[in-house]
């Protein structure tokens, strides 16, 4: 059966459930299963985002970008499509993280934190993989996306046992490098002939615009 047929069958099964008739114990079991299913769906969308970027499939049918197409497709807030594209990019070299998301073992939010934080580390593949694996272990211990974000700096320093990797760029501390890795800028046309601007940058780069 094709992926599309599988997805349609699962959707049909869920839409036919009379949730008002489901008892308390079954509701708890269902909530666990649905949480994992949501992660699986988000993981599939990350793979789709990656392939659409590679093939320029959205542009081929008239969309300005993959992220715009995915935002429209999901009916989410502006930036939702960009999040899927970023997670795809940040986990491309972290197969264990991508696999955990695909299997529904971690959420999209957890994958986004792990991917963005790890890719801001020094370009040492073994160090990045150790850090990603440690963060995945923390997910197994009940850490949500906020918990992962808060503990990352301490964990990264702890795993850099000799202190040499993080010392390779003494001009920026760990948090600032993370800010550099999370930079983005988006322009969204409004209905008044203008555009809304949304973005994120580091304090260092923002300082040039501050009055003396």
C-alpha atoms as a PDB file:
ATOM      1  CA  UNK A   1       0.000   0.000   0.000  1.00  0.00           C
ATOM      2  CA  UNK A   2       1.319   3.466  -0.885  1.00  0.00           C
ATOM      3  CA  UNK A   3       2.099   6.094   1.799  1.00  0.00           C
ATOM      4  CA  UNK A   4      -0.871   8.137   0.592  1.00  0.00           C
ATOM      5  CA  UNK A   5      -3.247   5.172   0.892  1.00  0.00           C
ATOM      6  CA  UNK A   6      -1.931   4.371   4.386  1.00  0.00           C
ATOM      7  CA  UNK A   7      -2.427   7.969   5.491  1.00  0.00           C
ATOM      8  CA  UNK A   8      -5.937   8.084   4.068  1.00  0.00           C
ATOM      9  CA  UNK A   9      -6.866   4.815   5.824  1.00  0.00           C
ATOM     10  CA  UNK A  10      -5.580   6.109   9.177  1.00  0.00           C
ATOM     11  CA  UNK A  11      -7.447   9.385   8.695  1.00  0.00           C
ATOM     12  CA  UNK A  12     -10.689   7.580   7.891  1.00  0.00           C
ATOM     13  CA  UNK A  13     -10.344   5.438  11.022  1.00  0.00           C
ATOM     14  CA  UNK A  14      -9.876   8.477  13.260  1.00  0.00           C
ATOM     15  CA  UNK A  15     -12.637  10.598  11.763  1.00  0.00           C
ATOM     16  CA  UNK A  16     -15.079   7.754  12.406  1.00  0.00           C
ATOM     17  CA  UNK A  17     -14.467   7.637  16.172  1.00  0.00           C
ATOM     18  CA  UNK A  18     -17.273   8.763  18.482  1.00  0.00           C
ATOM     19  CA  UNK A  19     -15.060  10.432  21.090  1.00  0.00           C
ATOM     20  CA  UNK A  20     -17.989  11.273  23.349  1.00  0.00           C
ATOM     21  CA  UNK A  21     -18.512   7.559  23.886  1.00  0.00           C
ATOM     22  CA  UNK A  22     -14.892   6.774  24.777  1.00  0.00           C
ATOM     23  CA  UNK A  23     -14.291   6.003  28.465  1.00  0.00           C
ATOM     24  CA  UNK A  24     -11.647   7.480  30.743  1.00  0.00           C
ATOM     25  CA  UNK A  25      -9.104   4.660  30.564  1.00  0.00           C
ATOM     26  CA  UNK A  26      -9.429   4.399  26.805  1.00  0.00           C
ATOM     27  CA  UNK A  27      -9.080   8.181  26.517  1.00  0.00           C
ATOM     28  CA  UNK A  28      -5.727   8.054  28.276  1.00  0.00           C
ATOM     29  CA  UNK A  29      -4.509   5.288  25.995  1.00  0.00           C
ATOM     30  CA  UNK A  30      -5.827   7.160  22.968  1.00  0.00           C
ATOM     31  CA  UNK A  31      -4.083  10.379  23.991  1.00  0.00           C
ATOM     32  CA  UNK A  32      -0.733   8.573  24.170  1.00  0.00           C
ATOM     33  CA  UNK A  33      -1.293   6.966  20.776  1.00  0.00           C
ATOM     34  CA  UNK A  34      -2.451  10.224  19.202  1.00  0.00           C
ATOM     35  CA  UNK A  35       0.543  12.105  20.580  1.00  0.00           C
ATOM     36  CA  UNK A  36       2.849   9.608  18.947  1.00  0.00           C
ATOM     37  CA  UNK A  37       0.819   9.664  15.748  1.00  0.00           C
ATOM     38  CA  UNK A  38       1.115  13.448  15.581  1.00  0.00           C
ATOM     39  CA  UNK A  39       4.890  13.151  15.889  1.00  0.00           C
ATOM     40  CA  UNK A  40       4.916  10.530  13.122  1.00  0.00           C
ATOM     41  CA  UNK A  41       2.887  12.824  10.860  1.00  0.00           C
ATOM     42  CA  UNK A  42       5.181  15.764  11.638  1.00  0.00           C
ATOM     43  CA  UNK A  43       8.178  13.539  10.912  1.00  0.00           C
ATOM     44  CA  UNK A  44       6.701  12.602   7.555  1.00  0.00           C
ATOM     45  CA  UNK A  45       6.133  16.291   6.781  1.00  0.00           C
ATOM     46  CA  UNK A  46       9.800  16.976   7.565  1.00  0.00           C
ATOM     47  CA  UNK A  47      10.806  14.345   5.011  1.00  0.00           C
ATOM     48  CA  UNK A  48       8.353  15.849   2.529  1.00  0.00           C
ATOM     49  CA  UNK A  49       9.795  19.319   3.196  1.00  0.00           C
ATOM     50  CA  UNK A  50      13.296  18.026   2.517  1.00  0.00           C
ATOM     51  CA  UNK A  51      12.278  16.367  -0.756  1.00  0.00           C
ATOM     52  CA  UNK A  52      10.268  19.391  -1.894  1.00  0.00           C
ATOM     53  CA  UNK A  53      13.335  21.569  -1.291  1.00  0.00           C
ATOM     54  CA  UNK A  54      15.510  19.178  -3.281  1.00  0.00           C
ATOM     55  CA  UNK A  55      13.089  18.852  -6.189  1.00  0.00           C
ATOM     56  CA  UNK A  56      11.629  22.388  -6.075  1.00  0.00           C
ATOM     57  CA  UNK A  57       8.259  20.687  -6.297  1.00  0.00           C
ATOM     58  CA  UNK A  58       6.274  23.550  -4.761  1.00  0.00           C
ATOM     59  CA  UNK A  59       7.832  26.118  -7.070  1.00  0.00           C
ATOM     60  CA  UNK A  60       6.971  23.896 -10.037  1.00  0.00           C
ATOM     61  CA  UNK A  61       3.257  24.400  -9.345  1.00  0.00           C
ATOM     62  CA  UNK A  62       3.517  28.137  -8.745  1.00  0.00           C
ATOM     63  CA  UNK A  63       4.398  28.546  -5.065  1.00  0.00           C
ATOM     64  CA  UNK A  64       7.129  31.015  -4.086  1.00  0.00           C
ATOM     65  CA  UNK A  65       8.781  28.489  -1.768  1.00  0.00           C
ATOM     66  CA  UNK A  66       8.409  25.168  -0.013  1.00  0.00           C
ATOM     67  CA  UNK A  67       7.789  26.892   3.316  1.00  0.00           C
ATOM     68  CA  UNK A  68       4.923  28.973   1.889  1.00  0.00           C
ATOM     69  CA  UNK A  69       3.320  25.870   0.390  1.00  0.00           C
ATOM     70  CA  UNK A  70       3.600  23.890   3.647  1.00  0.00           C
ATOM     71  CA  UNK A  71       2.221  26.772   5.708  1.00  0.00           C
ATOM     72  CA  UNK A  72      -0.796  26.916   3.401  1.00  0.00           C
ATOM     73  CA  UNK A  73      -1.135  23.132   3.379  1.00  0.00           C
ATOM     74  CA  UNK A  74      -1.229  22.838   7.166  1.00  0.00           C
ATOM     75  CA  UNK A  75      -3.335  25.956   7.708  1.00  0.00           C
ATOM     76  CA  UNK A  76      -0.958  26.963  10.485  1.00  0.00           C
ATOM     77  CA  UNK A  77       0.443  30.327  11.521  1.00  0.00           C
ATOM     78  CA  UNK A  78       3.006  32.048   9.340  1.00  0.00           C
ATOM     79  CA  UNK A  79       6.361  30.390   9.852  1.00  0.00           C
ATOM     80  CA  UNK A  80       5.038  26.864  10.369  1.00  0.00           C
ATOM     81  CA  UNK A  81       6.265  25.780   6.955  1.00  0.00           C
ATOM     82  CA  UNK A  82       9.622  27.415   7.586  1.00  0.00           C
ATOM     83  CA  UNK A  83       9.898  25.401  10.808  1.00  0.00           C
ATOM     84  CA  UNK A  84       9.481  22.135   8.892  1.00  0.00           C
ATOM     85  CA  UNK A  85      12.132  23.208   6.376  1.00  0.00           C
ATOM     86  CA  UNK A  86      14.532  24.218   9.178  1.00  0.00           C
ATOM     87  CA  UNK A  87      14.068  20.928  11.042  1.00  0.00           C
ATOM     88  CA  UNK A  88      14.750  19.061   7.798  1.00  0.00           C
ATOM     89  CA  UNK A  89      17.936  21.064   7.278  1.00  0.00           C
ATOM     90  CA  UNK A  90      19.146  20.811  10.869  1.00  0.00           C
ATOM     91  CA  UNK A  91      18.538  17.055  11.166  1.00  0.00           C
ATOM     92  CA  UNK A  92      19.903  16.093   7.755  1.00  0.00           C
ATOM     93  CA  UNK A  93      23.241  15.175   9.361  1.00  0.00           C
ATOM     94  CA  UNK A  94      21.664  13.839  12.558  1.00  0.00           C
ATOM     95  CA  UNK A  95      20.081  10.556  11.403  1.00  0.00           C
ATOM     96  CA  UNK A  96      19.278   9.367  14.939  1.00  0.00           C
ATOM     97  CA  UNK A  97      17.256  12.513  15.601  1.00  0.00           C
ATOM     98  CA  UNK A  98      15.443  12.253  12.268  1.00  0.00           C
ATOM     99  CA  UNK A  99      14.695   8.573  12.876  1.00  0.00           C
ATOM    100  CA  UNK A 100      13.370   9.277  16.372  1.00  0.00           C
ATOM    101  CA  UNK A 101      10.989  11.868  14.945  1.00  0.00           C
ATOM    102  CA  UNK A 102       9.942   9.586  12.087  1.00  0.00           C
ATOM    103  CA  UNK A 103       9.149   6.838  14.602  1.00  0.00           C
ATOM    104  CA  UNK A 104       7.148   9.202  16.797  1.00  0.00           C
ATOM    105  CA  UNK A 105       9.612   8.884  19.689  1.00  0.00           C
ATOM    106  CA  UNK A 106      10.193  12.648  19.890  1.00  0.00           C
ATOM    107  CA  UNK A 107       7.991  15.584  18.938  1.00  0.00           C
ATOM    108  CA  UNK A 108       8.589  18.133  16.203  1.00  0.00           C
ATOM    109  CA  UNK A 109       9.323  20.730  18.902  1.00  0.00           C
ATOM    110  CA  UNK A 110      11.926  18.485  20.537  1.00  0.00           C
ATOM    111  CA  UNK A 111      13.522  17.733  17.165  1.00  0.00           C
ATOM    112  CA  UNK A 112      13.594  21.455  16.383  1.00  0.00           C
ATOM    113  CA  UNK A 113      15.438  22.249  19.620  1.00  0.00           C
ATOM    114  CA  UNK A 114      17.927  19.415  19.234  1.00  0.00           C
ATOM    115  CA  UNK A 115      18.571  20.191  15.567  1.00  0.00           C
ATOM    116  CA  UNK A 116      18.984  23.949  15.934  1.00  0.00           C
ATOM    117  CA  UNK A 117      21.133  23.702  19.047  1.00  0.00           C
ATOM    118  CA  UNK A 118      23.425  20.923  17.821  1.00  0.00           C
ATOM    119  CA  UNK A 119      24.041  22.570  14.441  1.00  0.00           C
ATOM    120  CA  UNK A 120      25.213  25.684  16.289  1.00  0.00           C
ATOM    121  CA  UNK A 121      28.040  23.680  17.893  1.00  0.00           C
ATOM    122  CA  UNK A 122      31.598  23.545  16.485  1.00  0.00           C
ATOM    123  CA  UNK A 123      31.808  21.491  13.294  1.00  0.00           C
ATOM    124  CA  UNK A 124      33.028  18.306  14.934  1.00  0.00           C
ATOM    125  CA  UNK A 125      30.754  15.480  13.814  1.00  0.00           C
ATOM    126  CA  UNK A 126      31.560  13.145  16.715  1.00  0.00           C
ATOM    127  CA  UNK A 127      30.891  15.902  19.253  1.00  0.00           C
ATOM    128  CA  UNK A 128      27.625  16.846  17.596  1.00  0.00           C
ATOM    129  CA  UNK A 129      26.506  13.218  17.507  1.00  0.00           C
ATOM    130  CA  UNK A 130      27.353  12.732  21.205  1.00  0.00           C
ATOM    131  CA  UNK A 131      25.397  15.822  22.118  1.00  0.00           C
ATOM    132  CA  UNK A 132      22.392  14.807  20.018  1.00  0.00           C
ATOM    133  CA  UNK A 133      22.432  11.312  21.555  1.00  0.00           C
ATOM    134  CA  UNK A 134      22.558  12.794  25.064  1.00  0.00           C
ATOM    135  CA  UNK A 135      19.595  15.045  24.299  1.00  0.00           C
ATOM    136  CA  UNK A 136      17.629  12.071  22.957  1.00  0.00           C
ATOM    137  CA  UNK A 137      18.362  10.229  26.211  1.00  0.00           C
ATOM    138  CA  UNK A 138      16.928  13.195  28.113  1.00  0.00           C
ATOM    139  CA  UNK A 139      13.722  12.919  26.061  1.00  0.00           C
ATOM    140  CA  UNK A 140      13.461   9.324  27.278  1.00  0.00           C
ATOM    141  CA  UNK A 141      13.726  10.722  30.808  1.00  0.00           C
ATOM    142  CA  UNK A 142      10.748  12.997  30.284  1.00  0.00           C
ATOM    143  CA  UNK A 143      12.357  16.230  29.092  1.00  0.00           C
ATOM    144  CA  UNK A 144      10.099  18.379  26.896  1.00  0.00           C
ATOM    145  CA  UNK A 145      11.330  20.917  24.325  1.00  0.00           C
ATOM    146  CA  UNK A 146      11.667  23.703  26.922  1.00  0.00           C
ATOM    147  CA  UNK A 147      13.657  21.442  29.251  1.00  0.00           C
ATOM    148  CA  UNK A 148      16.022  20.494  26.411  1.00  0.00           C
ATOM    149  CA  UNK A 149      16.569  24.123  25.493  1.00  0.00           C
ATOM    150  CA  UNK A 150      17.335  25.124  29.074  1.00  0.00           C
ATOM    151  CA  UNK A 151      19.821  22.346  29.775  1.00  0.00           C
ATOM    152  CA  UNK A 152      21.616  22.468  26.442  1.00  0.00           C
ATOM    153  CA  UNK A 153      24.412  24.894  27.319  1.00  0.00           C
ATOM    154  CA  UNK A 154      25.402  22.954  30.444  1.00  0.00           C
ATOM    155  CA  UNK A 155      25.193  19.616  28.612  1.00  0.00           C
ATOM    156  CA  UNK A 156      27.312  20.824  25.690  1.00  0.00           C
ATOM    157  CA  UNK A 157      30.024  22.075  28.027  1.00  0.00           C
ATOM    158  CA  UNK A 158      29.923  18.824  30.010  1.00  0.00           C
ATOM    159  CA  UNK A 159      30.392  16.728  26.862  1.00  0.00           C
ATOM    160  CA  UNK A 160      33.332  18.866  25.711  1.00  0.00           C
ATOM    161  CA  UNK A 161      35.486  17.075  28.277  1.00  0.00           C
ATOM    162  CA  UNK A 162      38.798  18.788  27.516  1.00  0.00           C
ATOM    163  CA  UNK A 163      37.214  22.165  26.788  1.00  0.00           C
ATOM    164  CA  UNK A 164      38.982  22.502  23.450  1.00  0.00           C
ATOM    165  CA  UNK A 165      36.025  22.334  21.067  1.00  0.00           C
ATOM    166  CA  UNK A 166      34.035  25.162  22.590  1.00  0.00           C
ATOM    167  CA  UNK A 167      37.216  27.178  22.985  1.00  0.00           C
ATOM    168  CA  UNK A 168      37.817  27.215  19.223  1.00  0.00           C
ATOM    169  CA  UNK A 169      35.612  30.299  18.873  1.00  0.00           C
ATOM    170  CA  UNK A 170      36.374  32.527  21.840  1.00  0.00           C
ATOM    171  CA  UNK A 171      34.598  35.531  20.327  1.00  0.00           C
ATOM    172  CA  UNK A 172      31.168  34.077  20.966  1.00  0.00           C
ATOM    173  CA  UNK A 173      29.800  32.122  23.888  1.00  0.00           C
ATOM    174  CA  UNK A 174      27.653  29.050  23.375  1.00  0.00           C
ATOM    175  CA  UNK A 175      24.331  30.857  23.623  1.00  0.00           C
ATOM    176  CA  UNK A 176      25.380  33.484  21.089  1.00  0.00           C
ATOM    177  CA  UNK A 177      26.447  30.826  18.605  1.00  0.00           C
ATOM    178  CA  UNK A 178      23.016  29.289  19.082  1.00  0.00           C
ATOM    179  CA  UNK A 179      21.455  32.672  18.298  1.00  0.00           C
ATOM    180  CA  UNK A 180      23.481  32.888  15.089  1.00  0.00           C
ATOM    181  CA  UNK A 181      22.251  29.435  14.064  1.00  0.00           C
ATOM    182  CA  UNK A 182      18.622  30.404  14.676  1.00  0.00           C
ATOM    183  CA  UNK A 183      18.663  33.585  12.549  1.00  0.00           C
ATOM    184  CA  UNK A 184      15.846  34.093  10.056  1.00  0.00           C
ATOM    185  CA  UNK A 185      13.959  36.864   8.280  1.00  0.00           C
ATOM    186  CA  UNK A 186      10.524  36.604   6.669  1.00  0.00           C
ATOM    187  CA  UNK A 187       8.344  39.103   4.803  1.00  0.00           C
ATOM    188  CA  UNK A 188       4.602  38.450   4.610  1.00  0.00           C
ATOM    189  CA  UNK A 189       2.404  40.641   2.351  1.00  0.00           C
ATOM    190  CA  UNK A 190      -0.688  42.059   4.043  1.00  0.00           C
ATOM    191  CA  UNK A 191      -3.964  43.264   2.527  1.00  0.00           C
ATOM    192  CA  UNK A 192      -3.036  46.968   2.723  1.00  0.00           C
ATOM    193  CA  UNK A 193      -0.245  47.066   0.199  1.00  0.00           C
ATOM    194  CA  UNK A 194       2.469  46.494   2.780  1.00  0.00           C
ATOM    195  CA  UNK A 195       4.341  43.604   4.331  1.00  0.00           C
ATOM    196  CA  UNK A 196       4.816  42.292   7.851  1.00  0.00           C
ATOM    197  CA  UNK A 197       8.429  41.720   8.869  1.00  0.00           C
ATOM    198  CA  UNK A 198       9.381  38.943  11.281  1.00  0.00           C
ATOM    199  CA  UNK A 199      12.831  37.775  12.204  1.00  0.00           C
ATOM    200  CA  UNK A 200      15.386  36.791  14.788  1.00  0.00           C
ATOM    201  CA  UNK A 201      19.065  37.634  15.196  1.00  0.00           C
ATOM    202  CA  UNK A 202      21.796  37.732  17.832  1.00  0.00           C
ATOM    203  CA  UNK A 203      22.384  40.614  20.217  1.00  0.00           C
ATOM    204  CA  UNK A 204      25.724  41.260  18.537  1.00  0.00           C
ATOM    205  CA  UNK A 205      24.169  41.764  15.118  1.00  0.00           C
ATOM    206  CA  UNK A 206      21.289  43.792  16.528  1.00  0.00           C
ATOM    207  CA  UNK A 207      23.617  46.199  18.338  1.00  0.00           C
ATOM    208  CA  UNK A 208      24.441  48.166  15.178  1.00  0.00           C
ATOM    209  CA  UNK A 209      20.878  49.538  15.079  1.00  0.00           C
ATOM    210  CA  UNK A 210      20.879  50.789  18.663  1.00  0.00           C
ATOM    211  CA  UNK A 211      21.287  54.530  19.252  1.00  0.00           C
ATOM    212  CA  UNK A 212      24.682  55.522  20.738  1.00  0.00           C
END
